N, C-alpha and C. Protein backbone atom coordinates (compact mmCIF):
# COMPACT_ATOMS: atom_id res chain seq x y z
N UNK A 1 -44.44 71.43 38.28
CA UNK A 1 -42.91 71.75 37.39
C UNK A 1 -43.37 72.36 36.26
N UNK A 2 -44.33 72.59 35.23
CA UNK A 2 -43.85 73.47 34.29
C UNK A 2 -43.47 74.95 34.65
N UNK A 3 -44.37 75.30 35.34
CA UNK A 3 -43.99 76.90 35.60
C UNK A 3 -42.58 76.73 36.25
N UNK A 4 -41.92 76.42 36.88
CA UNK A 4 -40.78 76.00 36.93
C UNK A 4 -39.54 75.87 36.28
N UNK A 5 -39.86 75.09 34.95
CA UNK A 5 -39.15 74.89 33.83
C UNK A 5 -39.63 76.39 32.80
N UNK A 6 -40.54 77.25 33.58
CA UNK A 6 -40.90 78.23 32.26
C UNK A 6 -40.07 79.38 33.03
N UNK A 7 -39.75 79.41 34.23
CA UNK A 7 -39.28 80.36 35.34
C UNK A 7 -37.58 80.20 34.80
N UNK A 8 -37.61 78.82 35.18
CA UNK A 8 -35.77 78.59 34.81
C UNK A 8 -35.23 79.56 32.84
N UNK A 9 -36.11 78.51 32.07
CA UNK A 9 -36.33 79.34 30.80
C UNK A 9 -35.83 80.53 30.60
N UNK A 10 -36.87 81.83 31.31
CA UNK A 10 -36.26 82.50 31.11
C UNK A 10 -35.16 83.64 31.38
N UNK A 11 -34.28 82.75 32.53
CA UNK A 11 -33.03 82.92 32.83
C UNK A 11 -31.77 82.58 32.30
N UNK A 12 -32.28 81.61 31.46
CA UNK A 12 -30.76 80.77 31.12
C UNK A 12 -30.34 81.47 30.04
N UNK A 13 -30.59 82.56 28.99
CA UNK A 13 -29.59 82.99 28.19
C UNK A 13 -29.36 82.20 27.21
N UNK A 14 -28.23 81.88 27.05
CA UNK A 14 -27.66 80.72 25.73
C UNK A 14 -27.35 79.76 26.13
N UNK A 15 -27.74 79.49 27.60
CA UNK A 15 -27.43 77.71 28.02
C UNK A 15 -28.75 77.08 27.64
N UNK A 16 -28.51 75.73 28.16
CA UNK A 16 -28.76 74.71 27.67
C UNK A 16 -29.80 74.49 29.10
N UNK A 17 -30.97 73.97 28.73
CA UNK A 17 -31.92 73.62 30.25
C UNK A 17 -32.17 72.21 30.50
N UNK A 18 -31.57 71.43 31.09
CA UNK A 18 -31.74 70.24 31.17
C UNK A 18 -32.09 69.35 32.52
N UNK A 19 -33.36 68.23 31.63
CA UNK A 19 -34.50 68.00 33.07
C UNK A 19 -33.62 67.17 33.55
N UNK A 20 -33.09 66.82 34.93
CA UNK A 20 -32.69 65.63 35.05
C UNK A 20 -33.69 64.59 36.14
N UNK A 21 -34.04 63.42 34.69
CA UNK A 21 -34.97 63.03 34.93
C UNK A 21 -34.23 62.03 35.84
N UNK A 22 -35.21 61.66 37.73
CA UNK A 22 -34.34 61.02 38.06
C UNK A 22 -34.85 60.28 38.45
N UNK A 23 -34.06 59.13 39.49
CA UNK A 23 -34.44 57.45 39.14
C UNK A 23 -35.46 57.32 40.50
N UNK A 24 -35.91 55.87 40.08
CA UNK A 24 -37.05 55.30 41.22
C UNK A 24 -36.34 54.97 42.58
N UNK A 25 -37.52 54.83 43.29
CA UNK A 25 -36.74 54.36 44.99
C UNK A 25 -36.43 52.57 44.82
N UNK A 26 -35.99 51.80 45.24
CA UNK A 26 -35.56 50.45 45.24
C UNK A 26 -37.43 49.43 45.37
N UNK A 27 -37.83 50.29 45.66
CA UNK A 27 -38.93 49.37 45.92
C UNK A 27 -40.23 50.08 45.22
N UNK A 28 -40.05 50.98 44.25
CA UNK A 28 -41.26 52.13 44.40
C UNK A 28 -41.62 52.85 45.65
N UNK A 29 -42.76 53.91 45.43
CA UNK A 29 -42.90 54.82 46.23
C UNK A 29 -44.00 54.03 47.19
N UNK A 30 -43.99 53.88 48.23
CA UNK A 30 -44.72 53.53 49.45
C UNK A 30 -45.51 53.99 50.37
N UNK A 31 -45.15 55.32 50.61
CA UNK A 31 -45.97 55.90 50.92
C UNK A 31 -47.09 56.51 50.25
N UNK A 32 -48.32 56.86 50.33
CA UNK A 32 -49.24 57.72 49.52
C UNK A 32 -49.16 59.21 49.22
N UNK A 33 -48.68 59.62 50.78
CA UNK A 33 -48.43 61.22 50.51
C UNK A 33 -47.42 61.21 51.47
N UNK A 34 -46.97 63.07 51.13
CA UNK A 34 -45.10 63.56 52.03
C UNK A 34 -46.24 63.23 53.44
N UNK A 35 -44.83 62.99 54.38
CA UNK A 35 -45.58 63.19 56.31
C UNK A 35 -44.76 63.71 56.34
N UNK A 36 -43.79 63.87 56.05
CA UNK A 36 -42.85 64.74 57.17
C UNK A 36 -43.53 66.32 57.15
N UNK A 37 -42.20 66.91 58.23
CA UNK A 37 -43.12 68.78 58.64
C UNK A 37 -43.01 69.28 57.11
N UNK A 38 -42.98 70.63 56.40
CA UNK A 38 -42.90 71.10 55.86
C UNK A 38 -41.65 71.76 56.17
N UNK A 39 -40.37 72.09 54.92
CA UNK A 39 -39.56 72.41 54.49
C UNK A 39 -39.65 74.09 54.17
N UNK A 40 -39.51 75.29 54.08
CA UNK A 40 -39.76 76.34 53.27
C UNK A 40 -38.36 76.06 52.25
N UNK A 41 -37.10 75.62 53.22
CA UNK A 41 -36.16 75.41 52.25
C UNK A 41 -35.76 74.72 50.97
N UNK A 42 -36.60 73.53 51.10
CA UNK A 42 -36.95 72.70 50.14
C UNK A 42 -38.49 73.35 49.45
N UNK A 43 -39.02 73.44 49.64
CA UNK A 43 -40.36 74.18 48.97
C UNK A 43 -40.57 75.97 49.40
N UNK A 44 -40.23 76.96 49.18
CA UNK A 44 -40.71 78.08 49.17
C UNK A 44 -41.44 78.65 48.36
N UNK A 45 -42.55 77.29 48.14
CA UNK A 45 -43.42 78.08 46.73
C UNK A 45 -44.47 77.28 48.04
N UNK A 46 -44.52 76.48 48.94
CA UNK A 46 -45.53 75.99 49.82
C UNK A 46 -45.26 75.06 50.51
N UNK A 47 -46.23 74.11 50.87
CA UNK A 47 -46.26 73.39 51.31
C UNK A 47 -46.10 71.71 50.13
N UNK A 48 -45.68 70.83 50.49
CA UNK A 48 -45.30 69.59 49.15
C UNK A 48 -47.02 68.78 50.09
N UNK A 49 -46.95 68.92 50.85
CA UNK A 49 -48.14 67.80 51.43
C UNK A 49 -49.51 68.56 51.05
N UNK A 50 -49.75 69.94 50.91
CA UNK A 50 -50.59 70.67 50.16
C UNK A 50 -51.13 70.42 48.42
N UNK A 51 -49.76 70.22 48.03
CA UNK A 51 -49.35 71.08 46.94
C UNK A 51 -49.93 69.20 45.96
N UNK A 52 -50.05 68.43 46.57
CA UNK A 52 -49.91 67.14 45.84
C UNK A 52 -51.15 66.06 46.50
N UNK A 53 -51.07 66.29 47.37
CA UNK A 53 -52.67 65.77 48.20
C UNK A 53 -53.98 65.61 46.58
N UNK A 54 -54.47 66.18 45.97
CA UNK A 54 -55.17 66.11 45.43
C UNK A 54 -54.80 64.61 44.34
N UNK A 55 -53.43 64.25 44.12
CA UNK A 55 -53.09 63.58 43.36
C UNK A 55 -52.67 62.39 43.58
N UNK A 56 -52.22 62.87 44.95
CA UNK A 56 -51.56 61.51 45.83
C UNK A 56 -52.56 60.90 46.37
N UNK A 57 -53.69 61.14 46.96
CA UNK A 57 -54.54 60.53 47.51
C UNK A 57 -55.99 60.38 46.05
N UNK A 58 -55.07 60.03 45.12
CA UNK A 58 -56.45 59.65 44.16
C UNK A 58 -56.60 57.62 44.22
N UNK A 59 -57.63 57.36 43.63
CA UNK A 59 -57.28 55.79 43.95
C UNK A 59 -55.81 55.65 42.82
N UNK A 60 -55.65 54.41 43.54
CA UNK A 60 -54.89 53.63 42.41
C UNK A 60 -52.73 54.52 42.47
N UNK A 61 -53.11 56.00 42.58
CA UNK A 61 -51.69 55.96 43.44
C UNK A 61 -50.29 55.17 43.46
N UNK A 62 -50.90 54.69 44.65
CA UNK A 62 -49.94 53.52 45.62
C UNK A 62 -49.32 52.90 44.50
N UNK A 63 -50.41 52.31 43.83
CA UNK A 63 -50.28 50.66 43.42
C UNK A 63 -49.25 51.48 41.66
N UNK A 64 -49.42 52.57 40.99
CA UNK A 64 -48.72 52.82 39.93
C UNK A 64 -47.17 52.71 40.11
N UNK A 65 -47.00 53.47 41.45
CA UNK A 65 -45.24 54.10 41.56
C UNK A 65 -44.92 52.58 42.38
N UNK A 66 -45.20 51.96 43.37
CA UNK A 66 -45.49 50.99 44.33
C UNK A 66 -44.48 49.97 44.29
N UNK A 67 -43.34 49.86 42.86
CA UNK A 67 -42.39 48.77 42.92
C UNK A 67 -41.43 49.59 41.58
N UNK A 68 -40.04 49.54 41.44
CA UNK A 68 -39.09 49.89 40.76
C UNK A 68 -39.02 50.06 39.20
N UNK A 69 -39.63 49.19 38.46
CA UNK A 69 -40.09 49.38 37.32
C UNK A 69 -40.98 50.43 37.14
N UNK A 70 -42.50 50.10 37.91
CA UNK A 70 -43.19 50.81 37.67
C UNK A 70 -43.14 52.64 37.82
N UNK A 71 -42.44 52.34 38.97
CA UNK A 71 -42.07 53.87 39.25
C UNK A 71 -40.82 54.82 38.48
N UNK A 72 -40.29 53.85 37.96
CA UNK A 72 -39.29 54.55 37.25
C UNK A 72 -39.78 54.57 35.38
N UNK A 73 -40.66 53.80 35.76
CA UNK A 73 -41.70 54.00 34.03
C UNK A 73 -42.90 55.28 33.95
N UNK A 74 -43.25 56.07 35.25
CA UNK A 74 -43.61 56.78 35.67
C UNK A 74 -43.10 57.65 35.54
N UNK A 75 -41.57 58.01 36.11
CA UNK A 75 -41.37 58.92 36.74
C UNK A 75 -40.36 59.28 34.55
N UNK A 76 -40.30 58.63 34.10
CA UNK A 76 -40.20 58.80 32.25
C UNK A 76 -40.44 59.71 31.87
N UNK A 77 -42.17 58.53 32.03
CA UNK A 77 -43.23 59.25 31.42
C UNK A 77 -43.28 60.67 31.94
N UNK A 78 -43.33 61.47 32.85
CA UNK A 78 -43.53 62.20 33.03
C UNK A 78 -42.42 63.71 32.69
N UNK A 79 -41.11 63.02 32.67
CA UNK A 79 -39.91 63.91 32.33
C UNK A 79 -40.35 64.20 31.16
N UNK A 80 -40.20 63.55 30.37
CA UNK A 80 -40.35 63.05 29.12
C UNK A 80 -41.83 63.62 27.90
N UNK A 81 -42.34 63.87 29.25
CA UNK A 81 -43.64 64.75 28.32
C UNK A 81 -43.46 65.89 28.78
N UNK A 82 -42.83 66.21 29.92
CA UNK A 82 -42.56 67.97 30.80
C UNK A 82 -41.54 68.38 29.12
N UNK A 83 -40.67 67.70 28.72
CA UNK A 83 -39.66 68.07 27.44
C UNK A 83 -40.88 68.12 26.46
N UNK A 84 -41.77 68.03 26.25
CA UNK A 84 -42.37 67.56 25.08
C UNK A 84 -43.58 69.54 25.05
N UNK A 85 -44.13 68.93 26.08
CA UNK A 85 -45.02 70.15 26.75
C UNK A 85 -44.70 71.30 27.03
N UNK A 86 -43.70 71.71 27.57
CA UNK A 86 -43.24 72.73 28.61
C UNK A 86 -42.33 74.09 27.18
N UNK A 87 -42.53 74.70 27.71
CA UNK A 87 -41.27 75.72 26.50
C UNK A 87 -40.12 76.16 27.33
N UNK A 88 -38.98 75.78 26.89
CA UNK A 88 -37.81 76.31 27.50
C UNK A 88 -36.66 75.24 27.77
N UNK A 89 -37.35 73.78 27.59
CA UNK A 89 -36.66 73.07 28.28
C UNK A 89 -35.76 72.33 26.49
N UNK A 90 -34.83 72.17 27.09
CA UNK A 90 -33.53 71.59 26.07
C UNK A 90 -33.85 70.01 25.51
N UNK A 91 -33.54 69.28 26.67
CA UNK A 91 -33.20 68.27 26.42
C UNK A 91 -33.57 67.21 27.32
N UNK A 92 -33.47 66.18 27.78
CA UNK A 92 -33.66 65.70 29.06
C UNK A 92 -32.07 64.33 29.10
N UNK A 93 -31.72 64.32 30.79
CA UNK A 93 -30.87 63.43 31.14
C UNK A 93 -31.54 61.94 31.54
N UNK A 94 -31.60 61.24 30.91
CA UNK A 94 -32.70 59.85 31.57
C UNK A 94 -31.80 59.45 32.39
N UNK A 95 -31.36 59.70 33.37
CA UNK A 95 -30.89 58.92 34.64
C UNK A 95 -31.50 57.69 35.29
N UNK A 96 -32.75 57.46 35.55
CA UNK A 96 -33.58 56.89 35.84
C UNK A 96 -33.51 55.45 34.43
N UNK A 97 -34.04 56.25 33.56
CA UNK A 97 -33.57 54.94 32.48
C UNK A 97 -32.20 54.25 32.39
N UNK A 98 -31.34 55.04 33.08
CA UNK A 98 -29.85 54.18 32.86
C UNK A 98 -30.08 53.28 34.20
N UNK A 99 -30.40 53.37 35.03
CA UNK A 99 -31.24 52.62 35.87
C UNK A 99 -31.64 52.06 36.08
N UNK A 100 -32.73 51.55 35.40
CA UNK A 100 -33.49 50.68 34.53
C UNK A 100 -32.66 49.73 33.87
N UNK A 101 -32.28 50.47 33.05
CA UNK A 101 -31.61 49.50 32.15
C UNK A 101 -30.79 48.35 32.49
N UNK A 102 -29.38 49.32 33.55
CA UNK A 102 -28.53 48.49 34.33
C UNK A 102 -29.04 47.52 34.92
N UNK A 103 -30.13 48.03 35.98
CA UNK A 103 -30.93 46.73 36.81
C UNK A 103 -31.31 45.77 36.08
N UNK A 104 -31.96 45.74 34.80
CA UNK A 104 -32.24 44.80 33.98
C UNK A 104 -33.49 44.36 33.85
N UNK A 105 -34.23 45.86 34.25
CA UNK A 105 -35.74 46.03 33.60
C UNK A 105 -35.86 46.05 31.89
N UNK A 106 -36.35 44.81 31.66
CA UNK A 106 -36.93 44.93 29.88
C UNK A 106 -38.38 45.54 29.78
N UNK A 107 -39.15 45.00 31.07
CA UNK A 107 -40.61 45.12 30.86
C UNK A 107 -41.31 46.31 31.86
N UNK A 108 -42.35 46.68 31.54
CA UNK A 108 -42.90 47.31 32.96
C UNK A 108 -44.48 46.30 32.71
N UNK A 109 -44.73 46.52 33.77
CA UNK A 109 -45.89 45.58 33.74
C UNK A 109 -47.18 46.27 33.14
N UNK A 110 -47.88 45.31 32.40
CA UNK A 110 -49.05 46.49 31.29
C UNK A 110 -49.97 47.25 32.25
N UNK A 111 -50.41 46.41 33.49
CA UNK A 111 -51.39 47.74 33.95
C UNK A 111 -51.30 48.66 34.78
N UNK A 112 -49.57 48.56 35.31
CA UNK A 112 -49.01 50.11 35.62
C UNK A 112 -48.89 51.28 34.26
N UNK A 113 -48.69 50.37 32.94
CA UNK A 113 -48.19 51.24 32.20
C UNK A 113 -49.33 51.70 31.92
N UNK A 114 -50.27 51.00 31.37
CA UNK A 114 -51.90 51.81 30.96
C UNK A 114 -52.46 52.55 31.76
N UNK A 115 -52.32 52.29 32.76
CA UNK A 115 -52.66 53.46 33.99
C UNK A 115 -51.79 54.60 34.02
N UNK A 116 -50.43 54.91 34.41
CA UNK A 116 -49.63 55.98 33.76
C UNK A 116 -50.00 56.47 32.33
N UNK A 117 -50.21 55.81 31.33
CA UNK A 117 -50.21 56.22 30.17
C UNK A 117 -51.67 57.12 30.24
N UNK A 118 -53.09 56.56 30.97
CA UNK A 118 -53.99 57.39 30.75
C UNK A 118 -53.88 59.11 31.07
N UNK A 119 -52.76 59.29 31.85
CA UNK A 119 -52.62 60.32 32.34
C UNK A 119 -51.84 61.26 31.38
N UNK A 120 -51.95 61.21 30.27
CA UNK A 120 -50.90 61.89 29.30
C UNK A 120 -51.72 62.00 27.84
N UNK A 121 -51.78 62.97 27.09
CA UNK A 121 -51.95 63.26 25.72
C UNK A 121 -51.54 62.70 24.70
N UNK A 122 -50.00 62.45 24.66
CA UNK A 122 -49.28 62.45 23.79
C UNK A 122 -49.38 60.49 23.98
N UNK A 123 -48.42 60.07 22.74
CA UNK A 123 -48.73 58.66 23.23
C UNK A 123 -47.44 57.65 24.15
N UNK A 124 -46.80 56.80 24.66
CA UNK A 124 -46.14 56.43 25.24
C UNK A 124 -44.80 56.11 24.01
N UNK A 125 -44.03 56.30 24.53
CA UNK A 125 -42.69 55.81 23.92
C UNK A 125 -42.45 54.59 23.64
N UNK A 126 -42.64 53.33 22.23
CA UNK A 126 -42.64 52.25 22.59
C UNK A 126 -41.44 51.34 22.87
N UNK A 127 -40.49 52.57 23.03
CA UNK A 127 -38.86 51.84 23.33
C UNK A 127 -39.06 52.07 24.89
N UNK A 128 -39.44 52.87 25.81
CA UNK A 128 -39.33 52.42 27.23
C UNK A 128 -39.86 51.51 28.18
N UNK A 129 -39.16 50.41 28.71
CA UNK A 129 -37.89 51.52 29.45
C UNK A 129 -37.15 50.81 28.17
N UNK A 130 -36.02 51.27 28.28
CA UNK A 130 -34.68 50.66 27.64
C UNK A 130 -34.57 48.98 27.46
N UNK A 131 -33.57 48.80 26.63
CA UNK A 131 -33.86 47.63 26.91
C UNK A 131 -32.51 47.53 27.45
N UNK A 132 -32.35 46.56 28.67
CA UNK A 132 -31.36 46.30 29.42
C UNK A 132 -29.75 45.80 29.13
N UNK A 133 -28.98 46.72 29.48
CA UNK A 133 -27.34 46.33 29.50
C UNK A 133 -27.21 45.27 29.40
N UNK A 134 -26.51 44.71 28.10
CA UNK A 134 -26.18 43.40 28.34
C UNK A 134 -24.84 42.96 28.85
N UNK A 135 -23.88 44.20 29.52
CA UNK A 135 -23.00 43.53 30.51
C UNK A 135 -22.83 42.76 31.83
N UNK A 136 -22.31 41.46 31.65
CA UNK A 136 -22.80 41.00 32.75
C UNK A 136 -21.90 41.30 33.83
N UNK A 137 -22.70 41.27 35.18
CA UNK A 137 -22.77 41.38 36.42
C UNK A 137 -23.00 42.91 36.54
N UNK A 138 -23.69 43.58 36.49
CA UNK A 138 -23.91 45.02 36.21
C UNK A 138 -24.86 44.76 37.03
N UNK A 139 -26.09 43.87 36.44
CA UNK A 139 -27.68 44.04 37.25
C UNK A 139 -27.15 43.83 39.28
N UNK A 140 -26.30 43.84 39.48
CA UNK A 140 -25.52 43.04 40.94
C UNK A 140 -25.44 44.39 41.61
N UNK A 141 -24.90 45.40 40.72
CA UNK A 141 -24.46 46.54 41.02
C UNK A 141 -25.69 47.40 42.22
N UNK A 142 -24.96 47.36 43.21
CA UNK A 142 -26.00 48.11 44.45
C UNK A 142 -26.38 49.60 44.16
N UNK A 143 -27.42 50.42 43.52
CA UNK A 143 -27.41 51.61 43.35
C UNK A 143 -27.59 52.73 44.39
N UNK A 144 -28.10 51.86 45.23
CA UNK A 144 -29.18 52.40 46.49
C UNK A 144 -28.54 52.50 47.90
N UNK A 145 -27.93 53.44 48.26
CA UNK A 145 -27.37 53.41 49.58
C UNK A 145 -28.45 52.59 51.08
N UNK A 146 -27.94 51.99 51.52
CA UNK A 146 -28.00 51.10 52.63
C UNK A 146 -28.06 51.68 54.25
N UNK A 147 -29.53 52.22 54.64
CA UNK A 147 -29.50 52.46 55.75
C UNK A 147 -30.17 51.72 56.73
N UNK A 148 -28.99 51.76 57.70
CA UNK A 148 -29.95 50.77 58.75
C UNK A 148 -30.22 49.31 58.24
N UNK A 149 -29.35 48.99 57.30
CA UNK A 149 -30.15 47.78 56.45
C UNK A 149 -30.89 47.78 55.62
N UNK A 150 -31.47 48.48 55.34
CA UNK A 150 -32.78 48.59 53.80
C UNK A 150 -32.26 49.49 53.04
N UNK A 151 -33.03 49.61 51.62
CA UNK A 151 -31.93 50.35 50.74
C UNK A 151 -32.34 51.93 50.68
N UNK A 152 -31.76 53.03 50.82
CA UNK A 152 -31.82 54.12 50.65
C UNK A 152 -32.67 54.22 49.77
N UNK A 153 -33.25 55.98 49.37
CA UNK A 153 -33.50 56.28 48.40
C UNK A 153 -32.63 56.95 47.55
N UNK A 154 -31.43 57.16 48.46
CA UNK A 154 -30.33 58.23 47.66
C UNK A 154 -29.16 57.25 47.04
N UNK A 155 -28.43 57.51 46.23
CA UNK A 155 -27.61 56.82 45.42
C UNK A 155 -25.97 56.41 45.88
N UNK A 156 -25.48 55.19 45.65
CA UNK A 156 -24.39 55.05 46.00
C UNK A 156 -23.50 55.50 45.17
N UNK A 157 -22.19 55.62 45.48
CA UNK A 157 -21.38 56.38 44.86
C UNK A 157 -21.12 55.94 43.11
N UNK A 158 -21.44 54.47 43.05
CA UNK A 158 -20.95 53.37 41.75
C UNK A 158 -22.34 54.52 41.01
N UNK A 159 -23.57 54.23 41.30
CA UNK A 159 -25.03 54.90 41.09
C UNK A 159 -24.71 56.41 40.83
N UNK A 160 -23.49 57.14 41.54
CA UNK A 160 -23.75 58.56 41.39
C UNK A 160 -22.75 58.51 40.18
N UNK A 161 -22.07 57.93 39.76
CA UNK A 161 -20.73 57.35 38.78
C UNK A 161 -21.30 57.24 37.39
N UNK A 162 -22.31 56.75 37.42
CA UNK A 162 -23.54 55.84 36.18
C UNK A 162 -24.22 57.53 36.33
N UNK A 163 -24.38 58.07 37.22
CA UNK A 163 -25.59 59.12 36.85
C UNK A 163 -24.57 60.45 35.83
N UNK A 164 -23.02 60.65 36.51
CA UNK A 164 -21.81 61.05 35.87
C UNK A 164 -21.90 60.76 34.05
N UNK A 165 -21.86 59.14 34.08
CA UNK A 165 -21.41 59.08 32.84
C UNK A 165 -22.67 59.69 31.70
N UNK A 166 -24.13 59.57 32.32
CA UNK A 166 -24.89 59.39 31.48
C UNK A 166 -25.06 61.27 31.12
N UNK A 167 -24.94 61.96 32.30
CA UNK A 167 -25.10 63.23 32.04
C UNK A 167 -24.24 63.72 31.08
N UNK A 168 -23.20 63.34 31.32
CA UNK A 168 -21.78 63.76 30.37
C UNK A 168 -22.54 63.02 28.56
N UNK A 169 -22.97 62.01 28.92
CA UNK A 169 -23.33 61.20 27.00
C UNK A 169 -24.54 62.68 26.61
N UNK A 170 -25.35 63.00 27.67
CA UNK A 170 -26.76 63.79 27.38
C UNK A 170 -26.24 65.28 26.86
N UNK A 171 -24.84 65.55 28.32
CA UNK A 171 -24.89 67.36 27.01
C UNK A 171 -23.80 67.37 25.94
N UNK A 172 -22.92 66.68 26.58
CA UNK A 172 -21.91 66.83 25.07
C UNK A 172 -21.97 65.34 23.86
N UNK A 173 -23.01 65.28 24.09
CA UNK A 173 -23.39 63.98 22.94
C UNK A 173 -22.45 63.10 22.50
N UNK A 174 -21.91 62.66 23.13
CA UNK A 174 -20.68 61.66 23.45
C UNK A 174 -20.69 60.51 24.36
N UNK A 175 -20.49 59.46 23.74
CA UNK A 175 -20.26 58.29 24.82
C UNK A 175 -18.75 58.15 25.84
N UNK A 176 -19.76 58.23 27.10
CA UNK A 176 -17.97 58.08 27.77
C UNK A 176 -17.07 56.90 27.92
N UNK A 177 -17.37 55.93 27.22
CA UNK A 177 -16.75 54.81 27.34
C UNK A 177 -15.79 55.04 27.33
N UNK A 178 -14.69 54.21 27.54
CA UNK A 178 -12.90 54.71 27.74
C UNK A 178 -12.78 55.32 28.48
N UNK A 179 -13.91 56.19 29.44
CA UNK A 179 -13.22 57.22 30.50
C UNK A 179 -12.05 56.72 30.90
N UNK A 180 -11.31 58.01 31.25
CA UNK A 180 -10.27 57.55 32.60
C UNK A 180 -10.70 56.83 33.55
N UNK A 181 -9.78 55.62 34.40
CA UNK A 181 -10.20 55.02 35.26
C UNK A 181 -9.42 56.03 36.67
N UNK A 182 -9.64 56.19 37.25
CA UNK A 182 -9.65 56.49 38.68
C UNK A 182 -9.20 55.21 39.50
N UNK A 183 -8.38 55.12 40.02
CA UNK A 183 -7.65 53.97 40.84
C UNK A 183 -8.19 53.61 42.09
N UNK A 184 -8.58 54.63 42.73
CA UNK A 184 -8.88 54.91 44.03
C UNK A 184 -10.25 54.62 44.11
N UNK A 185 -11.26 54.14 43.28
CA UNK A 185 -12.20 54.19 42.87
C UNK A 185 -12.89 52.91 43.40
N UNK A 186 -12.14 51.81 43.15
CA UNK A 186 -11.99 50.27 43.50
C UNK A 186 -12.52 50.55 44.74
N UNK A 187 -11.62 50.76 45.70
CA UNK A 187 -11.79 50.59 47.00
C UNK A 187 -12.90 51.48 47.46
N UNK A 188 -13.08 52.29 46.92
CA UNK A 188 -14.44 53.72 47.61
C UNK A 188 -15.66 53.68 46.91
N UNK A 189 -15.83 53.22 45.45
CA UNK A 189 -16.40 53.63 44.79
C UNK A 189 -17.77 52.17 44.75
N UNK A 190 -17.05 51.57 44.84
CA UNK A 190 -18.19 50.09 44.61
C UNK A 190 -18.90 49.45 46.26
N UNK A 191 -18.01 50.09 47.42
CA UNK A 191 -19.11 49.80 49.07
C UNK A 191 -19.80 50.84 49.61
N UNK A 192 -20.56 50.66 50.30
CA UNK A 192 -21.33 51.06 50.90
C UNK A 192 -20.67 51.71 52.08
N UNK A 193 -20.27 53.01 52.09
CA UNK A 193 -19.61 53.28 52.78
C UNK A 193 -20.02 54.78 53.76
N UNK A 194 -21.90 55.00 52.53
CA UNK A 194 -22.12 56.42 53.20
C UNK A 194 -23.12 56.00 53.90
N UNK A 195 -23.16 55.90 55.15
CA UNK A 195 -24.28 54.88 55.82
C UNK A 195 -24.55 55.52 57.20
N UNK A 196 -25.25 55.59 57.84
CA UNK A 196 -25.61 55.99 59.13
C UNK A 196 -24.69 55.78 60.09
N UNK A 197 -23.77 54.67 59.78
CA UNK A 197 -22.92 53.79 60.66
C UNK A 197 -22.01 54.79 60.72
N UNK A 198 -21.92 55.27 59.83
CA UNK A 198 -20.23 55.93 59.18
C UNK A 198 -20.61 57.41 58.30
N UNK A 199 -20.98 57.75 59.00
CA UNK A 199 -21.93 59.64 58.01
C UNK A 199 -20.89 60.60 57.78
N UNK A 200 -19.48 60.25 58.86
CA UNK A 200 -18.84 61.33 58.39
C UNK A 200 -18.90 62.69 59.01
N UNK A 201 -18.22 63.58 58.21
CA UNK A 201 -18.84 64.60 58.43
C UNK A 201 -19.94 65.26 57.48
N UNK A 202 -20.28 64.97 56.53
CA UNK A 202 -21.15 65.27 55.65
C UNK A 202 -22.52 64.80 56.35
N UNK A 203 -23.54 65.97 56.52
CA UNK A 203 -24.95 66.03 56.69
C UNK A 203 -25.82 66.50 55.94
N UNK A 204 -26.81 65.59 55.68
CA UNK A 204 -27.96 66.14 54.60
C UNK A 204 -28.77 66.96 55.28
N UNK A 205 -29.42 68.12 54.11
CA UNK A 205 -30.43 68.96 54.87
C UNK A 205 -31.63 67.88 55.62
N UNK A 206 -32.82 68.46 56.25
CA UNK A 206 -33.85 67.65 56.46
C UNK A 206 -34.71 67.48 55.85
N UNK A 207 -34.79 67.79 54.29
CA UNK A 207 -35.48 67.56 53.32
C UNK A 207 -35.46 66.37 52.84
N UNK A 208 -34.23 66.05 52.80
CA UNK A 208 -33.57 65.24 52.19
C UNK A 208 -32.92 64.20 52.71
N UNK A 209 -33.08 63.78 54.06
CA UNK A 209 -32.41 63.15 54.72
C UNK A 209 -32.54 61.80 54.41
N UNK A 210 -32.24 60.84 54.78
CA UNK A 210 -32.00 59.13 54.06
C UNK A 210 -33.33 58.97 54.57
N UNK A 211 -34.58 58.14 53.57
CA UNK A 211 -35.54 57.10 54.71
C UNK A 211 -35.70 55.81 53.76
N UNK A 212 -35.06 55.26 55.18
CA UNK A 212 -34.74 53.88 54.71
C UNK A 212 -36.61 53.03 53.94
N UNK A 213 -36.01 52.01 52.87
CA UNK A 213 -37.26 51.71 52.61
C UNK A 213 -37.34 49.93 52.83
N UNK A 214 -38.26 49.59 53.25
CA UNK A 214 -38.13 48.23 53.71
C UNK A 214 -38.77 47.47 52.38
N UNK A 215 -37.96 46.52 51.28
CA UNK A 215 -38.23 45.58 50.74
C UNK A 215 -38.82 44.57 50.51
């Protein structure tokens, strides 16, 4: 991860390098190690299974990322640490933290927080995760796609919109509140119409094809 950041930093010139703090899975990471076949398109520098096996076989790995709150905190710690420890990253777009806030996650279990924190030299931010949003009904928004009846690891359209708002606020330093409403969004953005049953013409590459999760 850090070498990749350094590589991008050497090429960015006057651009800002923004780290995309990604979103936790609906039920956390349920598999201890990758099981999918190696894809050079997604992993040009080597097989992901070989690269992360030392860590994902370690005791406690699945436990500390095996739920939505714990995985969200683990991802946030990793990206925020990268911002501090790597050279060249300018900011973090905290999409995963926005998801935790919208879903009403107010705290992370102490046992998984402590286990995750032990992997970092710098102290944890006491304000992680963020305070849940006070907007009524937001916690009921479906952020994960459903494939075959089960939550997928990919975002719904309304979740993509949340990501866009978070990216806007990060990059421009302004609140997106009051952004122009798109009338067509009520009929298409708040439904789950991007599923295996209705794929349209869009096809995901093999390395990011939907992986259903059974909660």
